[in-house]
Amino acid sequence: DDCTGQVDPISQDPGGGTQPCVAQGNSGVSMGVAFGNRLVA
C-alpha cells in the first residue's frame, strides 16, 4: 500500500506527494505478498 502516486486522494495518507512512505507511517510489510506467494505455491 504505497503512499505515493495514488490516483484516489481519499486513500492518500497524511503527507503524500513524492515523500518516501516511511515519512508517512504508511510503509512496511503487510500480509499481502506473503499471502500471494503461499497461494501461488
Full PDB file with SEQRES, HELIX, SHEET, SSBOND, CRYST1, ORIGX, SCALE, CONECT and MASTER records, all heavy atoms in Angstrom:
SEQRES   1 A   41  ASP ASP CYS THR GLY GLN VAL ASP PRO ILE SER GLN ASP          
SEQRES   2 A   41  PRO GLY GLY GLY THR GLN PRO CYS VAL ALA GLN GLY ASN          
SEQRES   3 A   41  SER GLY VAL SER MET GLY VAL ALA PHE GLY ASN ARG LEU          
SEQRES   4 A   41  VAL ALA                                                      
HELIX    1 AA1 PRO A    9  SER A   11  5                                   3    
HELIX    2 AA2 CYS A   21  GLN A   24  5                                   4    
HELIX    3 AA3 GLY A   32  VAL A   40  1                                   9    
CRYST1    1.000    1.000    1.000  90.00  90.00  90.00 P 1           1          
ORIGX1      1.000000  0.000000  0.000000        0.00000                         
ORIGX2      0.000000  1.000000  0.000000        0.00000                         
ORIGX3      0.000000  0.000000  1.000000        0.00000                         
SCALE1      1.000000  0.000000  0.000000        0.00000                         
SCALE2      0.000000  1.000000  0.000000        0.00000                         
SCALE3      0.000000  0.000000  1.000000        0.00000                         
ATOM      1  N   ASP A   1       0.854  -1.188   0.000  1.00  0.00           N  
ATOM      2  CA  ASP A   1       0.000   0.000   0.000  1.00  0.00           C  
ATOM      3  C   ASP A   1       0.890   1.239   0.000  1.00  0.00           C  
ATOM      4  O   ASP A   1       1.033   1.926   0.995  1.00  0.00           O  
ATOM      5  CB  ASP A   1      -0.910  -0.021   1.228  1.00  0.00           C  
ATOM      6  CG  ASP A   1      -2.239   0.659   0.948  1.00  0.00           C  
ATOM      7  OD1 ASP A   1      -2.218   1.764   0.380  1.00  0.00           O  
ATOM      8  OD2 ASP A   1      -3.282   0.088   1.275  1.00  0.00           O  
ATOM      9  N   ASP A   2       1.495   1.526  -1.144  1.00  0.00           N  
ATOM     10  CA  ASP A   2       2.435   2.633  -1.280  1.00  0.00           C  
ATOM     11  C   ASP A   2       1.695   3.957  -1.169  1.00  0.00           C  
ATOM     12  O   ASP A   2       0.631   4.147  -1.749  1.00  0.00           O  
ATOM     13  CB  ASP A   2       3.125   2.530  -2.641  1.00  0.00           C  
ATOM     14  CG  ASP A   2       4.370   3.382  -2.726  1.00  0.00           C  
ATOM     15  OD1 ASP A   2       4.337   4.515  -2.213  1.00  0.00           O  
ATOM     16  OD2 ASP A   2       5.360   2.904  -3.290  1.00  0.00           O  
ATOM     17  N   CYS A   3       2.275   4.903  -0.437  1.00  0.00           N  
ATOM     18  CA  CYS A   3       1.584   6.173  -0.219  1.00  0.00           C  
ATOM     19  C   CYS A   3       1.845   7.175  -1.326  1.00  0.00           C  
ATOM     20  O   CYS A   3       1.305   8.279  -1.290  1.00  0.00           O  
ATOM     21  CB  CYS A   3       1.988   6.767   1.126  1.00  0.00           C  
ATOM     22  SG  CYS A   3       3.699   7.353   1.160  1.00  0.00           S  
ATOM     23  N   THR A   4       2.653   6.856  -2.313  1.00  0.00           N  
ATOM     24  CA  THR A   4       2.952   7.796  -3.387  1.00  0.00           C  
ATOM     25  C   THR A   4       2.210   7.415  -4.662  1.00  0.00           C  
ATOM     26  O   THR A   4       1.912   6.250  -4.903  1.00  0.00           O  
ATOM     27  CB  THR A   4       4.463   7.827  -3.689  1.00  0.00           C  
ATOM     28  OG1 THR A   4       4.896   6.507  -4.042  1.00  0.00           O  
ATOM     29  CG2 THR A   4       5.248   8.292  -2.474  1.00  0.00           C  
ATOM     30  N   GLY A   5       1.890   8.416  -5.462  1.00  0.00           N  
ATOM     31  CA  GLY A   5       1.277   8.199  -6.758  1.00  0.00           C  
ATOM     32  C   GLY A   5      -0.146   7.694  -6.713  1.00  0.00           C  
ATOM     33  O   GLY A   5      -0.627   7.096  -7.679  1.00  0.00           O  
ATOM     34  N   GLN A   6      -0.865   7.946  -5.636  1.00  0.00           N  
ATOM     35  CA  GLN A   6      -2.218   7.402  -5.520  1.00  0.00           C  
ATOM     36  C   GLN A   6      -3.186   8.169  -6.407  1.00  0.00           C  
ATOM     37  O   GLN A   6      -3.189   9.395  -6.449  1.00  0.00           O  
ATOM     38  CB  GLN A   6      -2.675   7.435  -4.062  1.00  0.00           C  
ATOM     39  CG  GLN A   6      -1.785   6.586  -3.154  1.00  0.00           C  
ATOM     40  CD  GLN A   6      -2.471   6.174  -1.869  1.00  0.00           C  
ATOM     41  OE1 GLN A   6      -3.680   6.258  -1.756  1.00  0.00           O  
ATOM     42  NE2 GLN A   6      -1.702   5.713  -0.909  1.00  0.00           N  
ATOM     43  N   VAL A   7      -4.026   7.428  -7.114  1.00  0.00           N  
ATOM     44  CA  VAL A   7      -4.991   8.023  -8.026  1.00  0.00           C  
ATOM     45  C   VAL A   7      -6.170   8.613  -7.268  1.00  0.00           C  
ATOM     46  O   VAL A   7      -6.685   9.682  -7.622  1.00  0.00           O  
ATOM     47  CB  VAL A   7      -5.467   6.965  -9.048  1.00  0.00           C  
ATOM     48  CG1 VAL A   7      -6.625   7.501  -9.877  1.00  0.00           C  
ATOM     49  CG2 VAL A   7      -4.319   6.557  -9.950  1.00  0.00           C  
ATOM     50  N   ASP A   8      -6.630   7.924  -6.226  1.00  0.00           N  
ATOM     51  CA  ASP A   8      -7.781   8.398  -5.449  1.00  0.00           C  
ATOM     52  C   ASP A   8      -7.294   9.113  -4.198  1.00  0.00           C  
ATOM     53  O   ASP A   8      -6.725   8.482  -3.294  1.00  0.00           O  
ATOM     54  CB  ASP A   8      -8.678   7.225  -5.057  1.00  0.00           C  
ATOM     55  CG  ASP A   8      -9.403   6.634  -6.257  1.00  0.00           C  
ATOM     56  OD1 ASP A   8      -9.496   7.328  -7.294  1.00  0.00           O  
ATOM     57  OD2 ASP A   8      -9.879   5.486  -6.168  1.00  0.00           O  
ATOM     58  N   PRO A   9      -7.509  10.427  -4.088  1.00  0.00           N  
ATOM     59  CA  PRO A   9      -6.999  11.186  -2.933  1.00  0.00           C  
ATOM     60  C   PRO A   9      -7.473  10.654  -1.590  1.00  0.00           C  
ATOM     61  O   PRO A   9      -6.768  10.788  -0.594  1.00  0.00           O  
ATOM     62  CB  PRO A   9      -7.526  12.606  -3.189  1.00  0.00           C  
ATOM     63  CG  PRO A   9      -7.723  12.672  -4.672  1.00  0.00           C  
ATOM     64  CD  PRO A   9      -8.162  11.292  -5.077  1.00  0.00           C  
ATOM     65  N   ILE A  10      -8.664  10.038  -1.534  1.00  0.00           N  
ATOM     66  CA  ILE A  10      -9.192   9.563  -0.265  1.00  0.00           C  
ATOM     67  C   ILE A  10      -8.269   8.551   0.394  1.00  0.00           C  
ATOM     68  O   ILE A  10      -8.200   8.450   1.616  1.00  0.00           O  
ATOM     69  CB  ILE A  10     -10.617   8.960  -0.442  1.00  0.00           C  
ATOM     70  CG1 ILE A  10     -11.229   8.552   0.913  1.00  0.00           C  
ATOM     71  CG2 ILE A  10     -10.579   7.772  -1.376  1.00  0.00           C  
ATOM     72  CD1 ILE A  10     -11.520   9.686   1.829  1.00  0.00           C  
ATOM     73  N   SER A  11      -7.534   7.774  -0.407  1.00  0.00           N  
ATOM     74  CA  SER A  11      -6.671   6.741   0.164  1.00  0.00           C  
ATOM     75  C   SER A  11      -5.261   7.235   0.450  1.00  0.00           C  
ATOM     76  O   SER A  11      -4.414   6.462   0.894  1.00  0.00           O  
ATOM     77  CB  SER A  11      -6.610   5.527  -0.773  1.00  0.00           C  
ATOM     78  OG  SER A  11      -6.024   5.892  -2.015  1.00  0.00           O  
ATOM     79  N   GLN A  12      -5.031   8.523   0.215  1.00  0.00           N  
ATOM     80  CA  GLN A  12      -3.711   9.096   0.458  1.00  0.00           C  
ATOM     81  C   GLN A  12      -3.507   9.334   1.952  1.00  0.00           C  
ATOM     82  O   GLN A  12      -4.290  10.036   2.580  1.00  0.00           O  
ATOM     83  CB  GLN A  12      -3.558  10.417  -0.287  1.00  0.00           C  
ATOM     84  CG  GLN A  12      -2.241  11.129  -0.036  1.00  0.00           C  
ATOM     85  CD  GLN A  12      -1.071  10.363  -0.618  1.00  0.00           C  
ATOM     86  OE1 GLN A  12      -1.005  10.152  -1.823  1.00  0.00           O  
ATOM     87  NE2 GLN A  12      -0.160   9.938   0.229  1.00  0.00           N  
ATOM     88  N   ASP A  13      -2.456   8.763   2.509  1.00  0.00           N  
ATOM     89  CA  ASP A  13      -2.146   9.013   3.908  1.00  0.00           C  
ATOM     90  C   ASP A  13      -1.606  10.424   4.078  1.00  0.00           C  
ATOM     91  O   ASP A  13      -1.174  11.058   3.118  1.00  0.00           O  
ATOM     92  CB  ASP A  13      -1.122   7.992   4.405  1.00  0.00           C  
ATOM     93  CG  ASP A  13      -1.790   6.680   4.735  1.00  0.00           C  
ATOM     94  OD1 ASP A  13      -2.177   5.971   3.796  1.00  0.00           O  
ATOM     95  OD2 ASP A  13      -1.954   6.382   5.925  1.00  0.00           O  
ATOM     96  N   PRO A  14      -1.619  10.968   5.299  1.00  0.00           N  
ATOM     97  CA  PRO A  14      -1.140  12.335   5.523  1.00  0.00           C  
ATOM     98  C   PRO A  14       0.261  12.529   4.970  1.00  0.00           C  
ATOM     99  O   PRO A  14       1.119  11.675   5.082  1.00  0.00           O  
ATOM    100  CB  PRO A  14      -1.162  12.458   7.047  1.00  0.00           C  
ATOM    101  CG  PRO A  14      -2.198  11.491   7.477  1.00  0.00           C  
ATOM    102  CD  PRO A  14      -2.093  10.337   6.522  1.00  0.00           C  
ATOM    103  N   GLY A  15       0.475  13.689   4.377  1.00  0.00           N  
ATOM    104  CA  GLY A  15       1.782  13.985   3.793  1.00  0.00           C  
ATOM    105  C   GLY A  15       1.705  13.806   2.309  1.00  0.00           C  
ATOM    106  O   GLY A  15       1.349  14.725   1.578  1.00  0.00           O  
ATOM    107  N   GLY A  16       2.016  12.638   1.828  1.00  0.00           N  
ATOM    108  CA  GLY A  16       1.841  12.302   0.431  1.00  0.00           C  
ATOM    109  C   GLY A  16       2.881  12.909  -0.471  1.00  0.00           C  
ATOM    110  O   GLY A  16       4.028  13.096  -0.094  1.00  0.00           O  
ATOM    111  N   GLY A  17       2.455  13.269  -1.694  1.00  0.00           N  
ATOM    112  CA  GLY A  17       3.398  13.803  -2.657  1.00  0.00           C  
ATOM    113  C   GLY A  17       4.429  12.767  -3.050  1.00  0.00           C  
ATOM    114  O   GLY A  17       4.129  11.608  -3.251  1.00  0.00           O  
ATOM    115  N   THR A  18       5.670  13.199  -3.131  1.00  0.00           N  
ATOM    116  CA  THR A  18       6.751  12.290  -3.521  1.00  0.00           C  
ATOM    117  C   THR A  18       7.609  11.873  -2.341  1.00  0.00           C  
ATOM    118  O   THR A  18       8.651  11.265  -2.512  1.00  0.00           O  
ATOM    119  CB  THR A  18       7.646  12.969  -4.573  1.00  0.00           C  
ATOM    120  OG1 THR A  18       8.189  14.180  -4.011  1.00  0.00           O  
ATOM    121  CG2 THR A  18       6.848  13.295  -5.833  1.00  0.00           C  
ATOM    122  N   GLN A  19       7.176  12.228  -1.125  1.00  0.00           N  
ATOM    123  CA  GLN A  19       7.957  11.861   0.043  1.00  0.00           C  
ATOM    124  C   GLN A  19       7.950  10.346   0.223  1.00  0.00           C  
ATOM    125  O   GLN A  19       6.989   9.675  -0.130  1.00  0.00           O  
ATOM    126  CB  GLN A  19       7.383  12.508   1.302  1.00  0.00           C  
ATOM    127  CG  GLN A  19       7.380  14.031   1.243  1.00  0.00           C  
ATOM    128  CD  GLN A  19       6.781  14.609   2.500  1.00  0.00           C  
ATOM    129  OE1 GLN A  19       7.167  14.221   3.592  1.00  0.00           O  
ATOM    130  NE2 GLN A  19       5.837  15.516   2.351  1.00  0.00           N  
ATOM    131  N   PRO A  20       9.043   9.792   0.742  1.00  0.00           N  
ATOM    132  CA  PRO A  20       9.061   8.335   0.947  1.00  0.00           C  
ATOM    133  C   PRO A  20       7.988   7.906   1.924  1.00  0.00           C  
ATOM    134  O   PRO A  20       7.636   8.622   2.849  1.00  0.00           O  
ATOM    135  CB  PRO A  20      10.473   8.075   1.503  1.00  0.00           C  
ATOM    136  CG  PRO A  20      10.919   9.390   2.038  1.00  0.00           C  
ATOM    137  CD  PRO A  20      10.281  10.438   1.183  1.00  0.00           C  
ATOM    138  N   CYS A  21       7.472   6.729   1.704  1.00  0.00           N  
ATOM    139  CA  CYS A  21       6.368   6.250   2.535  1.00  0.00           C  
ATOM    140  C   CYS A  21       6.746   6.170   4.004  1.00  0.00           C  
ATOM    141  O   CYS A  21       5.892   6.311   4.873  1.00  0.00           O  
ATOM    142  CB  CYS A  21       5.920   4.872   2.056  1.00  0.00           C  
ATOM    143  SG  CYS A  21       5.097   4.907   0.458  1.00  0.00           S  
ATOM    144  N   VAL A  22       8.026   5.927   4.279  1.00  0.00           N  
ATOM    145  CA  VAL A  22       8.422   5.811   5.675  1.00  0.00           C  
ATOM    146  C   VAL A  22       8.143   7.100   6.426  1.00  0.00           C  
ATOM    147  O   VAL A  22       7.897   7.102   7.631  1.00  0.00           O  
ATOM    148  CB  VAL A  22       9.918   5.415   5.785  1.00  0.00           C  
ATOM    149  CG1 VAL A  22      10.813   6.541   5.293  1.00  0.00           C  
ATOM    150  CG2 VAL A  22      10.282   5.047   7.218  1.00  0.00           C  
ATOM    151  N   ALA A  23       8.125   8.233   5.717  1.00  0.00           N  
ATOM    152  CA  ALA A  23       7.841   9.508   6.366  1.00  0.00           C  
ATOM    153  C   ALA A  23       6.365   9.667   6.676  1.00  0.00           C  
ATOM    154  O   ALA A  23       5.982  10.528   7.458  1.00  0.00           O  
ATOM    155  CB  ALA A  23       8.309  10.665   5.477  1.00  0.00           C  
ATOM    156  N   GLN A  24       5.524   8.818   6.075  1.00  0.00           N  
ATOM    157  CA  GLN A  24       4.090   8.957   6.275  1.00  0.00           C  
ATOM    158  C   GLN A  24       3.526   7.916   7.245  1.00  0.00           C  
ATOM    159  O   GLN A  24       2.331   7.880   7.475  1.00  0.00           O  
ATOM    160  CB  GLN A  24       3.367   8.826   4.925  1.00  0.00           C  
ATOM    161  CG  GLN A  24       3.977   9.639   3.795  1.00  0.00           C  
ATOM    162  CD  GLN A  24       4.198  11.068   4.168  1.00  0.00           C  
ATOM    163  OE1 GLN A  24       3.400  11.629   4.912  1.00  0.00           O  
ATOM    164  NE2 GLN A  24       5.267  11.667   3.701  1.00  0.00           N  
ATOM    165  N   GLY A  25       4.369   7.041   7.764  1.00  0.00           N  
ATOM    166  CA  GLY A  25       3.848   5.974   8.607  1.00  0.00           C  
ATOM    167  C   GLY A  25       3.092   4.931   7.801  1.00  0.00           C  
ATOM    168  O   GLY A  25       2.364   4.124   8.353  1.00  0.00           O  
ATOM    169  N   ASN A  26       3.208   4.973   6.491  1.00  0.00           N  
ATOM    170  CA  ASN A  26       2.490   4.031   5.634  1.00  0.00           C  
ATOM    171  C   ASN A  26       3.514   3.195   4.886  1.00  0.00           C  
ATOM    172  O   ASN A  26       3.742   3.376   3.699  1.00  0.00           O  
ATOM    173  CB  ASN A  26       1.597   4.804   4.659  1.00  0.00           C  
ATOM    174  CG  ASN A  26       0.839   3.883   3.724  1.00  0.00           C  
ATOM    175  OD1 ASN A  26       0.784   2.693   3.958  1.00  0.00           O  
ATOM    176  ND2 ASN A  26       0.264   4.429   2.675  1.00  0.00           N  
ATOM    177  N   SER A  27       4.190   2.342   5.603  1.00  0.00           N  
ATOM    178  CA  SER A  27       5.213   1.525   4.967  1.00  0.00           C  
ATOM    179  C   SER A  27       5.360   0.242   5.751  1.00  0.00           C  
ATOM    180  O   SER A  27       4.807   0.093   6.826  1.00  0.00           O  
ATOM    181  CB  SER A  27       6.550   2.277   4.920  1.00  0.00           C  
ATOM    182  OG  SER A  27       7.027   2.516   6.217  1.00  0.00           O  
ATOM    183  N   GLY A  28       6.158  -0.646   5.194  1.00  0.00           N  
ATOM    184  CA  GLY A  28       6.432  -1.882   5.906  1.00  0.00           C  
ATOM    185  C   GLY A  28       5.852  -3.093   5.217  1.00  0.00           C  
ATOM    186  O   GLY A  28       5.366  -3.031   4.091  1.00  0.00           O  
ATOM    187  N   VAL A  29       5.901  -4.202   5.925  1.00  0.00           N  
ATOM    188  CA  VAL A  29       5.483  -5.490   5.378  1.00  0.00           C  
ATOM    189  C   VAL A  29       4.038  -5.768   5.785  1.00  0.00           C  
ATOM    190  O   VAL A  29       3.732  -5.850   6.974  1.00  0.00           O  
ATOM    191  CB  VAL A  29       6.405  -6.615   5.893  1.00  0.00           C  
ATOM    192  CG1 VAL A  29       5.925  -7.967   5.390  1.00  0.00           C  
ATOM    193  CG2 VAL A  29       7.848  -6.357   5.465  1.00  0.00           C  
ATOM    194  N   SER A  30       3.167  -5.899   4.803  1.00  0.00           N  
ATOM    195  CA  SER A  30       1.805  -6.346   5.064  1.00  0.00           C  
ATOM    196  C   SER A  30       1.767  -7.860   4.890  1.00  0.00           C  
ATOM    197  O   SER A  30       2.782  -8.495   4.616  1.00  0.00           O  
ATOM    198  CB  SER A  30       0.834  -5.683   4.080  1.00  0.00           C  
ATOM    199  OG  SER A  30       1.001  -6.233   2.776  1.00  0.00           O  
ATOM    200  N   MET A  31       0.575  -8.442   5.020  1.00  0.00           N  
ATOM    201  CA  MET A  31       0.478  -9.876   4.746  1.00  0.00           C  
ATOM    202  C   MET A  31       0.321 -10.157   3.260  1.00  0.00           C  
ATOM    203  O   MET A  31       0.315 -11.304   2.833  1.00  0.00           O  
ATOM    204  CB  MET A  31      -0.685 -10.498   5.522  1.00  0.00           C  
ATOM    205  CG  MET A  31      -1.979  -9.802   5.378  1.00  0.00           C  
ATOM    206  SD  MET A  31      -3.253 -10.293   4.275  1.00  0.00           S  
ATOM    207  CE  MET A  31      -2.945 -11.571   3.318  1.00  0.00           C  
ATOM    208  N   GLY A  32       0.244  -9.088   2.426  1.00  0.00           N  
ATOM    209  CA  GLY A  32      -0.121  -9.244   1.036  1.00  0.00           C  
ATOM    210  C   GLY A  32       0.786 -10.124   0.202  1.00  0.00           C  
ATOM    211  O   GLY A  32       0.344 -11.128  -0.362  1.00  0.00           O  
ATOM    212  N   VAL A  33       2.069  -9.750   0.063  1.00  0.00           N  
ATOM    213  CA  VAL A  33       2.968 -10.507  -0.803  1.00  0.00           C  
ATOM    214  C   VAL A  33       3.168 -11.923  -0.269  1.00  0.00           C  
ATOM    215  O   VAL A  33       3.188 -12.897  -1.040  1.00  0.00           O  
ATOM    216  CB  VAL A  33       4.313  -9.780  -0.957  1.00  0.00           C  
ATOM    217  CG1 VAL A  33       5.332 -10.667  -1.671  1.00  0.00           C  
ATOM    218  CG2 VAL A  33       4.126  -8.481  -1.747  1.00  0.00           C  
ATOM    219  N   ALA A  34       3.302 -12.074   1.044  1.00  0.00           N  
ATOM    220  CA  ALA A  34       3.460 -13.411   1.623  1.00  0.00           C  
ATOM    221  C   ALA A  34       2.223 -14.263   1.336  1.00  0.00           C  
ATOM    222  O   ALA A  34       2.329 -15.461   1.063  1.00  0.00           O  
ATOM    223  CB  ALA A  34       3.715 -13.312   3.125  1.00  0.00           C  
ATOM    224  N   PHE A  35       1.043 -13.663   1.399  1.00  0.00           N  
ATOM    225  CA  PHE A  35      -0.193 -14.371   1.027  1.00  0.00           C  
ATOM    226  C   PHE A  35      -0.105 -14.838  -0.423  1.00  0.00           C  
ATOM    227  O   PHE A  35      -0.383 -16.003  -0.735  1.00  0.00           O  
ATOM    228  CB  PHE A  35      -1.402 -13.451   1.210  1.00  0.00           C  
ATOM    229  CG  PHE A  35      -2.682 -13.983   0.619  1.00  0.00           C  
ATOM    230  CD1 PHE A  35      -3.559 -14.718   1.385  1.00  0.00           C  
ATOM    231  CD2 PHE A  35      -3.006 -13.731  -0.712  1.00  0.00           C  
ATOM    232  CE1 PHE A  35      -4.741 -15.213   0.837  1.00  0.00           C  
ATOM    233  CE2 PHE A  35      -4.184 -14.227  -1.265  1.00  0.00           C  
ATOM    234  CZ  PHE A  35      -5.052 -14.968  -0.489  1.00  0.00           C  
ATOM    235  N   GLY A  36       0.255 -13.915  -1.326  1.00  0.00           N  
ATOM    236  CA  GLY A  36       0.333 -14.270  -2.731  1.00  0.00           C  
ATOM    237  C   GLY A  36       1.304 -15.404  -2.989  1.00  0.00           C  
ATOM    238  O   GLY A  36       1.006 -16.341  -3.739  1.00  0.00           O  
ATOM    239  N   ASN A  37       2.475 -15.341  -2.349  1.00  0.00           N  
ATOM    240  CA  ASN A  37       3.478 -16.392  -2.542  1.00  0.00           C  
ATOM    241  C   ASN A  37       2.945 -17.748  -2.130  1.00  0.00           C  
ATOM    242  O   ASN A  37       3.115 -18.752  -2.828  1.00  0.00           O  
ATOM    243  CB  ASN A  37       4.734 -16.062  -1.743  1.00  0.00           C  
ATOM    244  CG  ASN A  37       5.524 -14.909  -2.331  1.00  0.00           C  
ATOM    245  OD1 ASN A  37       5.257 -14.445  -3.443  1.00  0.00           O  
ATOM    246  ND2 ASN A  37       6.489 -14.410  -1.586  1.00  0.00           N  
ATOM    247  N   ARG A  38       2.307 -17.809  -0.969  1.00  0.00           N  
ATOM    248  CA  ARG A  38       1.828 -19.091  -0.457  1.00  0.00           C  
ATOM    249  C   ARG A  38       0.683 -19.642  -1.310  1.00  0.00           C  
ATOM    250  O   ARG A  38       0.599 -20.843  -1.542  1.00  0.00           O  
ATOM    251  CB  ARG A  38       1.370 -18.950   1.000  1.00  0.00           C  
ATOM    252  CG  ARG A  38       2.524 -18.978   1.985  1.00  0.00           C  
ATOM    253  CD  ARG A  38       2.032 -19.082   3.425  1.00  0.00           C  
ATOM    254  NE  ARG A  38       3.138 -19.437   4.308  1.00  0.00           N  
ATOM    255  CZ  ARG A  38       3.479 -20.675   4.604  1.00  0.00           C  
ATOM    256  NH1 ARG A  38       2.804 -21.689   4.087  1.00  0.00           N  
ATOM    257  NH2 ARG A  38       4.491 -20.921   5.422  1.00  0.00           N  
ATOM    258  N   LEU A  39      -0.195 -18.752  -1.770  1.00  0.00           N  
ATOM    259  CA  LEU A  39      -1.331 -19.249  -2.532  1.00  0.00           C  
ATOM    260  C   LEU A  39      -0.898 -19.713  -3.920  1.00  0.00           C  
ATOM    261  O   LEU A  39      -1.372 -20.750  -4.412  1.00  0.00           O  
ATOM    262  CB  LEU A  39      -2.417 -18.175  -2.645  1.00  0.00           C  
ATOM    263  CG  LEU A  39      -3.773 -18.689  -3.124  1.00  0.00           C  
ATOM    264  CD1 LEU A  39      -4.306 -19.789  -2.206  1.00  0.00           C  
ATOM    265  CD2 LEU A  39      -4.779 -17.563  -3.224  1.00  0.00           C  
ATOM    266  N   VAL A  40      -0.003 -18.979  -4.558  1.00  0.00           N  
ATOM    267  CA  VAL A  40       0.512 -19.422  -5.856  1.00  0.00           C  
ATOM    268  C   VAL A  40       1.193 -20.777  -5.711  1.00  0.00           C  
ATOM    269  O   VAL A  40       0.995 -21.689  -6.524  1.00  0.00           O  
ATOM    270  CB  VAL A  40       1.482 -18.387  -6.439  1.00  0.00           C  
ATOM    271  CG1 VAL A  40       2.269 -18.979  -7.612  1.00  0.00           C  
ATOM    272  CG2 VAL A  40       0.728 -17.150  -6.912  1.00  0.00           C  
ATOM    273  N   ALA A  41       2.002 -20.923  -4.648  1.00  0.00           N  
ATOM    274  CA  ALA A  41       2.696 -22.198  -4.431  1.00  0.00           C  
ATOM    275  C   ALA A  41       1.709 -23.325  -4.152  1.00  0.00           C  
ATOM    276  O   ALA A  41       1.939 -24.478  -4.535  1.00  0.00           O  
ATOM    277  CB  ALA A  41       3.685 -22.062  -3.279  1.00  0.00           C  
TER     278      ALA A  41                                                      
MASTER        0    0    0    3    0    0    0    6  277    1    0    4          
END                                                                             
